[in-house]
């Protein structure tokens, strides 16, 4: 792939096939855990959109899907400040909620979103993150379902981006300066 804005793809961390297999495993576990409950899945946009689509199609239980838009990144770094750019339209009062996140990093975004969702009176809130960087965690947030744990490296693909670039990749790769 041609370099973009002074960045190029590095090594492939997770292949398309490995991702598909892991998403299937997560869907099976979630389907089992929520077999006796109605489930509302809420995705944090934009990075989780591909993971959300693949995961919900693999679930064997009925789900309601909604979205939240929240931004805290400037380039490759989190600013620590949050800006809402999309609010959910589904009521979650007394409902079991599974929050879908692309990457659990510092934990600040997840804490902010969990606090926001808790104000709406759900029966439960659990978290499913496609990627987890526990080495960067500054806020203790439980991640109930994890696709893959990764070290502290900036990665793109499968919905994750750098300034809107690279989301379309079917795999996860590192990003390197040219």
Foldseek 3Di string as FASTA:
>chain_A
DDDDPQKDFDDFPWDLVLLLVLLLVLLVVVLVVCVPFAEEEEEEDDQCPLSVVSNVVNHPDDYHYWYWYWDQDDFQDGNLDIDTDDDTDDQQAQHEYEYEEAECAQVSVVVVVVVVNVVRHHVYYAYEYAEYAVVRHPDDDDHPHYSYYDHPFRKAECRRDGVPPRPPHSTITGMDGD
